[in-house]
Protein backbone atom coordinates (compact mmCIF):
# COMPACT_ATOMS: atom_id res chain seq x y z
CA MET A 1 -251.13 -53.05 93.51
CA ASN A 2 -247.41 -52.11 93.29
CA GLU A 3 -246.69 -49.76 96.18
CA TYR A 4 -243.07 -48.99 95.21
CA PRO A 5 -242.05 -46.38 92.58
CA PRO A 6 -241.39 -47.79 89.12
CA GLU A 7 -237.81 -46.61 89.09
CA TRP A 8 -236.96 -48.92 92.04
CA ASP A 9 -237.98 -51.89 89.96
CA ALA A 10 -235.85 -50.76 87.07
CA VAL A 11 -232.82 -50.37 89.22
CA GLU A 12 -233.25 -53.78 90.70
CA GLU A 13 -233.49 -55.49 87.32
CA GLN A 14 -230.64 -53.55 85.64
CA PRO A 15 -227.40 -55.55 85.28
CA PRO A 16 -224.20 -54.14 86.75
CA GLN A 17 -222.15 -51.78 84.61
CA PRO A 18 -218.80 -53.07 83.65
CA SER A 19 -217.04 -49.73 83.77
CA VAL A 20 -218.10 -48.92 87.26
CA GLU A 21 -217.13 -51.12 90.24
CA PRO A 22 -220.22 -51.57 92.26
CA LEU A 23 -220.25 -51.25 95.98
CA PRO A 24 -220.41 -54.47 97.82
CA ALA A 25 -223.90 -55.49 98.54
CA PRO A 26 -224.96 -56.00 102.11
CA ARG A 27 -224.33 -59.55 103.32
CA PRO A 28 -227.55 -61.42 103.33
CA ARG A 29 -228.33 -63.18 106.59
CA GLY A 30 -227.84 -66.92 106.57
CA ARG A 31 -225.96 -67.04 103.26
CA GLN A 32 -222.46 -68.56 102.73
CA GLU A 33 -219.66 -66.45 101.35
CA PRO A 34 -218.75 -67.13 97.74
CA GLU A 35 -215.81 -69.43 97.26
CA THR A 36 -213.97 -66.57 95.60
CA SER A 37 -214.02 -64.51 98.83
CA PRO A 38 -210.57 -64.03 100.49
CA PRO A 39 -210.00 -66.46 103.39
CA ARG A 40 -210.24 -65.19 106.88
CA PRO A 41 -207.50 -65.83 109.47
CA ARG A 42 -208.16 -69.04 111.44
CA ARG A 43 -207.53 -67.89 114.97
CA GLN A 44 -208.75 -71.11 116.58
CA SER A 45 -206.20 -73.24 114.69
CA SER A 46 -203.26 -71.02 115.78
CA GLY A 47 -204.28 -71.35 119.46
CA ARG A 48 -204.23 -75.11 119.23
CA ARG A 49 -200.70 -75.09 117.79
CA ASP A 50 -199.48 -72.88 120.63
CA GLY A 51 -201.13 -75.15 123.22
CA ASN A 52 -199.51 -78.25 121.73
CA ALA A 53 -196.07 -76.60 121.85
CA ILE A 54 -196.53 -75.64 125.52
CA SER A 55 -197.68 -79.16 126.39
CA LYS A 56 -194.59 -80.67 124.73
CA LEU A 57 -192.30 -78.25 126.57
CA THR A 58 -193.98 -79.04 129.88
CA LEU A 59 -193.56 -82.77 129.23
CA ILE A 60 -189.86 -82.35 128.40
CA ILE A 61 -189.27 -80.32 131.57
CA SER A 62 -191.11 -82.93 133.64
CA VAL A 63 -189.01 -85.75 132.18
CA ILE A 64 -185.78 -83.83 132.85
CA ALA A 65 -186.92 -83.11 136.43
CA LEU A 66 -187.75 -86.79 136.92
CA ILE A 67 -184.32 -87.84 135.64
CA LEU A 68 -182.57 -85.34 137.93
CA ALA A 69 -184.61 -86.55 140.91
CA GLY A 70 -183.65 -90.15 140.13
CA ILE A 71 -179.95 -89.24 139.95
CA ALA A 72 -180.19 -87.38 143.27
CA LEU A 73 -181.89 -90.38 144.88
CA ILE A 74 -179.16 -92.76 143.64
CA LEU A 75 -176.41 -90.48 144.97
CA THR A 76 -178.18 -90.17 148.32
CA LEU A 77 -178.54 -93.94 148.67
CA ARG A 78 -174.87 -94.47 147.78
CA GLY A 79 -173.83 -91.92 150.38
CA ARG A 80 -175.89 -93.66 153.07
CA GLN A 81 -174.35 -97.00 152.26
CA GLU A 82 -170.88 -95.53 152.71
CA VAL A 83 -171.69 -93.74 155.97
CA GLU A 84 -173.89 -96.45 157.48
CA PRO A 85 -172.55 -99.90 156.59
CA PRO A 86 -174.84 -102.83 157.32
CA PRO A 87 -174.59 -104.11 160.90
CA ALA A 88 -172.22 -106.99 161.50
CA PRO A 89 -173.78 -110.33 162.33
CA PRO A 90 -174.03 -111.03 166.08
CA GLU A 91 -170.96 -112.69 167.55
CA GLU A 92 -171.14 -116.14 169.00
CA PRO A 93 -171.15 -116.04 172.83
CA VAL A 94 -167.79 -116.80 174.44
CA THR A 95 -167.74 -120.04 176.42
CA PHE A 96 -165.18 -122.41 177.89
CA ARG A 97 -165.23 -125.95 179.18
CA PHE A 98 -164.64 -127.28 182.68
CA GLY A 99 -164.88 -131.05 182.72
CA ASP A 100 -168.15 -131.90 180.97
CA GLN A 101 -169.63 -128.44 181.58
CA VAL A 102 -169.75 -125.48 179.22
CA LEU A 103 -169.43 -122.24 181.18
CA THR A 104 -170.00 -118.60 180.27
CA PRO A 105 -167.34 -116.18 181.59
CA LEU A 106 -168.21 -113.88 184.46
CA GLU A 107 -168.76 -110.41 183.05
CA GLY A 108 -166.08 -108.01 184.26
CA MET A 109 -163.82 -110.72 185.69
CA PRO A 110 -160.18 -110.41 184.51
CA VAL A 111 -158.94 -113.42 182.55
CA ASN A 112 -155.75 -115.47 182.77
CA PRO A 113 -152.96 -113.17 181.47
CA TYR A 114 -150.13 -115.71 181.39
CA ASN A 115 -148.56 -117.02 178.20
CA ARG A 116 -148.42 -120.81 178.35
CA ASP A 117 -145.18 -120.80 176.38
CA ASP A 118 -143.45 -118.97 179.24
CA PHE A 119 -143.90 -121.97 181.56
CA SER A 120 -141.26 -124.69 181.55
CA LEU A 121 -139.65 -127.37 183.73
CA ASP A 122 -136.20 -126.94 185.29
CA VAL A 123 -133.61 -129.66 185.85
CA LYS A 124 -135.35 -130.68 189.08
CA GLY A 125 -138.71 -131.12 187.36
CA ARG A 126 -140.17 -127.99 188.97
CA VAL A 127 -142.35 -125.61 187.00
CA THR A 128 -140.79 -122.23 186.29
CA TYR A 129 -142.19 -119.08 184.74
CA GLU A 130 -140.14 -116.30 183.22
CA LYS A 131 -141.31 -113.24 181.32
CA ASP A 132 -139.35 -110.19 180.19
CA GLY A 133 -136.32 -111.48 182.07
CA LYS A 134 -138.18 -111.78 185.39
CA ARG A 135 -138.43 -115.22 187.00
CA ALA A 136 -141.39 -116.15 189.20
CA LYS A 137 -140.49 -116.98 192.80
CA THR A 138 -140.83 -120.61 193.91
CA GLY A 139 -142.41 -121.46 197.26
CA ILE A 140 -143.96 -124.15 199.42
CA ASP A 141 -146.96 -124.32 201.72
CA VAL A 142 -146.74 -126.55 204.78
CA SER A 143 -148.58 -127.61 207.93
CA VAL A 144 -148.31 -130.11 210.75
CA TYR A 145 -148.45 -132.89 208.15
CA GLN A 146 -144.87 -132.16 207.04
CA LYS A 147 -143.72 -132.51 210.67
CA ASP A 148 -140.14 -131.37 211.34
CA ILE A 149 -138.60 -129.32 208.56
CA ASP A 150 -134.93 -128.40 207.99
CA TRP A 151 -135.52 -124.85 206.83
CA GLN A 152 -131.89 -124.15 206.01
CA ALA A 153 -131.92 -127.09 203.59
CA VAL A 154 -135.20 -125.86 202.13
CA ALA A 155 -133.73 -122.43 201.41
CA ALA A 156 -130.60 -123.99 199.90
CA ASP A 157 -132.78 -126.01 197.51
CA GLY A 158 -134.03 -122.92 195.69
CA ILE A 159 -137.16 -122.12 197.71
CA ASP A 160 -137.92 -118.40 198.02
CA PHE A 161 -141.02 -118.26 200.23
CA ALA A 162 -143.20 -120.38 202.52
CA ILE A 163 -146.91 -120.10 203.35
CA LEU A 164 -147.59 -121.73 206.72
CA ARG A 165 -150.85 -123.03 208.08
CA LEU A 166 -151.58 -120.97 211.16
CA GLY A 167 -154.68 -122.81 212.29
CA TYR A 168 -158.13 -124.12 211.43
CA ARG A 169 -161.78 -124.18 212.44
CA GLY A 170 -163.32 -127.53 213.35
CA TYR A 171 -165.83 -128.69 210.76
CA THR A 172 -168.34 -130.14 213.25
CA GLU A 173 -168.50 -127.88 216.30
CA GLY A 174 -166.69 -124.90 214.81
CA GLY A 175 -163.92 -124.32 217.37
CA LEU A 176 -160.76 -122.38 216.43
CA PHE A 177 -157.38 -124.16 216.81
CA MET A 178 -153.72 -123.40 216.14
CA ASP A 179 -151.54 -125.61 213.93
CA GLU A 180 -149.12 -127.35 216.32
CA TYR A 181 -146.08 -126.60 214.12
CA PHE A 182 -146.94 -123.02 213.19
CA TYR A 183 -144.56 -121.12 215.47
CA THR A 184 -141.77 -123.61 214.89
CA ASN A 185 -142.16 -123.26 211.14
CA LEU A 186 -142.49 -119.47 211.38
CA GLN A 187 -139.23 -119.15 213.28
CA GLY A 188 -137.35 -121.65 211.10
CA ALA A 189 -138.48 -120.11 207.80
CA ALA A 190 -137.64 -116.59 208.95
CA GLU A 191 -134.17 -117.62 210.16
CA ALA A 192 -133.50 -119.30 206.80
CA GLY A 193 -134.22 -116.01 205.03
CA LEU A 194 -137.50 -117.06 203.43
CA GLU A 195 -140.42 -114.68 202.99
CA VAL A 196 -143.35 -115.90 205.05
CA GLY A 197 -147.12 -115.90 204.56
CA VAL A 198 -149.85 -117.79 206.41
CA TYR A 199 -153.19 -119.44 205.66
CA PHE A 200 -156.16 -120.38 207.82
CA PHE A 201 -158.31 -123.42 207.10
CA SER A 202 -161.81 -121.97 207.39
CA GLN A 203 -165.13 -123.62 208.02
CA ALA A 204 -167.00 -120.37 208.52
CA ILE A 205 -170.71 -120.37 207.71
CA THR A 206 -171.33 -116.63 208.17
CA PRO A 207 -169.31 -113.49 207.37
CA GLU A 208 -169.15 -112.81 211.11
CA GLU A 209 -167.42 -116.14 211.69
CA ALA A 210 -164.97 -115.36 208.88
CA GLU A 211 -164.13 -112.04 210.51
CA ALA A 212 -163.57 -113.87 213.80
CA GLU A 213 -161.14 -116.20 212.02
CA ALA A 214 -159.26 -113.21 210.63
CA ALA A 215 -159.06 -111.66 214.09
CA TYR A 216 -157.71 -114.97 215.42
CA VAL A 217 -154.95 -114.92 212.77
CA LEU A 218 -154.03 -111.28 213.36
CA ASN A 219 -153.71 -111.87 217.06
CA ALA A 220 -151.47 -114.91 216.48
CA ILE A 221 -148.99 -113.13 214.19
CA GLU A 222 -148.71 -109.96 216.22
CA GLY A 223 -145.04 -109.09 216.62
CA TYR A 224 -143.87 -111.37 213.77
CA SER A 225 -142.79 -110.48 210.25
CA VAL A 226 -145.36 -111.72 207.75
CA THR A 227 -144.64 -110.21 204.33
CA TYR A 228 -146.47 -112.70 202.08
CA PRO A 229 -150.27 -113.05 201.83
CA ILE A 230 -152.59 -114.15 204.63
CA ALA A 231 -154.96 -116.53 202.87
CA PHE A 232 -158.55 -117.62 203.47
CA ASP A 233 -158.61 -121.37 202.77
CA TRP A 234 -162.18 -122.66 202.79
CA GLU A 235 -162.61 -126.23 201.58
CA PRO A 236 -165.65 -128.52 201.48
CA VAL A 237 -165.76 -131.61 203.65
CA ALA A 238 -166.84 -134.92 202.15
CA PRO A 239 -170.60 -135.58 202.46
CA GLY A 240 -171.74 -137.67 205.41
CA GLN A 241 -169.11 -136.35 207.82
CA GLY A 242 -171.52 -134.09 209.68
CA ALA A 243 -169.81 -130.92 208.40
CA ARG A 244 -171.45 -127.68 209.49
CA THR A 245 -170.63 -126.21 206.08
CA GLU A 246 -172.42 -128.89 204.06
CA ASN A 247 -175.35 -126.69 202.96
CA LEU A 248 -173.51 -123.41 202.66
CA ASP A 249 -174.68 -121.48 199.60
CA ASN A 250 -172.34 -119.81 197.13
CA ASP A 251 -173.32 -116.24 197.95
CA THR A 252 -172.62 -116.71 201.66
CA LEU A 253 -169.32 -118.44 200.91
CA THR A 254 -168.21 -115.48 198.78
CA LYS A 255 -169.24 -113.05 201.51
CA CYS A 256 -167.24 -115.05 204.07
CA ALA A 257 -164.10 -114.80 201.92
CA ALA A 258 -164.62 -111.06 201.40
CA ALA A 259 -165.20 -110.49 205.12
CA PHE A 260 -161.99 -112.36 206.09
CA CYS A 261 -159.91 -110.50 203.48
CA GLY A 262 -161.40 -107.14 204.34
CA LYS A 263 -160.39 -107.44 207.96
CA VAL A 264 -156.87 -108.60 207.07
CA LYS A 265 -156.42 -105.74 204.63
CA ALA A 266 -157.66 -103.21 207.17
CA ALA A 267 -154.88 -104.40 209.51
CA GLY A 268 -152.24 -103.59 206.89
CA TYR A 269 -151.53 -107.08 205.54
CA THR A 270 -151.98 -108.60 202.08
CA PRO A 271 -155.06 -110.87 202.00
CA ALA A 272 -155.72 -113.71 199.54
CA VAL A 273 -158.32 -116.38 198.76
CA TYR A 274 -157.19 -119.97 198.14
CA PHE A 275 -159.35 -122.15 195.85
CA ASN A 276 -159.22 -124.95 193.31
CA GLN A 277 -160.91 -124.89 189.91
CA THR A 278 -164.20 -126.28 191.21
CA LEU A 279 -164.50 -123.57 193.85
CA GLY A 280 -163.32 -120.91 191.42
CA TYR A 281 -165.78 -121.83 188.68
CA LEU A 282 -168.79 -123.19 190.55
CA ARG A 283 -168.81 -121.72 194.07
CA TYR A 284 -167.11 -118.35 194.41
CA ASP A 285 -168.12 -115.20 192.57
CA LEU A 286 -164.52 -114.19 192.05
CA ARG A 287 -165.55 -110.69 190.98
CA GLU A 288 -166.31 -109.95 194.63
CA VAL A 289 -162.73 -110.72 195.74
CA THR A 290 -160.62 -109.34 192.88
CA ASP A 291 -159.32 -106.61 195.20
CA TYR A 292 -157.42 -109.36 197.03
CA GLY A 293 -154.84 -111.93 195.99
CA LEU A 294 -156.10 -115.08 194.26
CA TRP A 295 -154.25 -118.32 195.04
CA LEU A 296 -155.12 -121.10 192.58
CA ALA A 297 -154.65 -124.83 193.15
CA GLU A 298 -154.42 -126.59 189.78
CA TYR A 299 -152.08 -129.55 189.42
CA ASP A 300 -150.42 -129.35 186.02
CA THR A 301 -147.31 -128.04 184.27
CA LYS A 302 -149.25 -125.17 182.64
CA PRO A 303 -152.31 -123.50 184.16
CA ASP A 304 -155.60 -123.73 182.24
CA PHE A 305 -157.70 -121.74 184.69
CA TYR A 306 -159.73 -119.20 182.70
CA TYR A 307 -159.60 -116.28 185.13
CA HIS A 308 -156.80 -114.21 186.59
CA PHE A 309 -154.82 -115.47 189.59
CA ASP A 310 -151.67 -114.36 191.44
CA LEU A 311 -150.27 -117.44 193.17
CA TRP A 312 -150.31 -120.93 191.70
CA GLN A 313 -150.08 -124.19 193.66
CA TYR A 314 -149.15 -126.50 190.81
CA THR A 315 -148.49 -129.80 192.63
CA HIS A 316 -149.00 -131.54 195.94
CA THR A 317 -146.29 -134.13 195.31
CA GLY A 318 -143.24 -131.89 195.18
CA GLN A 319 -139.88 -132.92 196.55
CA VAL A 320 -137.72 -130.44 198.48
CA GLU A 321 -134.56 -130.98 200.47
CA GLY A 322 -135.16 -130.73 204.21
CA ILE A 323 -138.73 -132.06 204.01
CA GLU A 324 -139.55 -135.73 204.35
CA GLY A 325 -142.22 -136.83 201.91
CA ALA A 326 -144.29 -134.80 199.47
CA VAL A 327 -144.97 -131.12 199.76
CA ASP A 328 -147.05 -128.51 197.91
CA LEU A 329 -145.07 -126.34 195.44
CA ASP A 330 -146.16 -122.84 194.43
CA LEU A 331 -145.24 -120.04 192.03
CA ASP A 332 -145.66 -116.35 192.79
CA LEU A 333 -146.69 -114.85 189.42
CA ARG A 334 -147.23 -111.30 190.62
């Protein structure tokens, strides 16, 4: 049985009138729009284009930032290289030779300041030294072994000063003794107008003994004019002679020299230490006595000693008028 009015069926089956534009029918559920329907805006596609553009811009900015960072890093590294140059390679240690030994210089010890070209030989075959128009004084050192000396003849032969042996300590029992010719030489040298210094042949084995030697010297020269150095002359004795100094160590030897010189200086005189190259390089620590004069014995026409010195005994075979036989010759380089 048809429950709807007949006119509803007629309306449903009637075709649309061409003169009247029908209202759009309700959109059936689940049906596709006709192909003739106007297209809708595609919002999803526009969002993707905007996202792609932003991604490209972000990438470009990142690349530019990376390039700028690289340039900044290069400039920084160049600046560091200019401010902080690479460290220089370590220098080779300074050494010098003495005989067959290679020695390292004493740290803080002044070195030889003399120009070898300023040394020469005069017409008498004596070494001279002249620098900046100043000539080094020439001297001799003597003892009982030169016996009687004609000091007037010595002075006339171009000698400016004399260093006289005052005395010595025995190397076995250690007694203190005067040089038999000391006072004779002291008087003769002074009367000839020479400047006079003295030396003491030491065999001290303790600083106390060295101070006793200095006191012995100071007592002996009291009342006399001694203007040149008072020297501590310690020398080793050949092995097998029973010398009391045979086993003396280097540190004690240096302390003995310093003790002698300290006492002499305290009395108002000029102290000095006499030594040859062996003692200077291998026995003394010369840094401990640089406050005093250094008197080097090195027999040559030009000194090779590495360290500083003030007086130089350059030969033991010199010839001087007024002295029979050989004599030590010295230069005062101060």
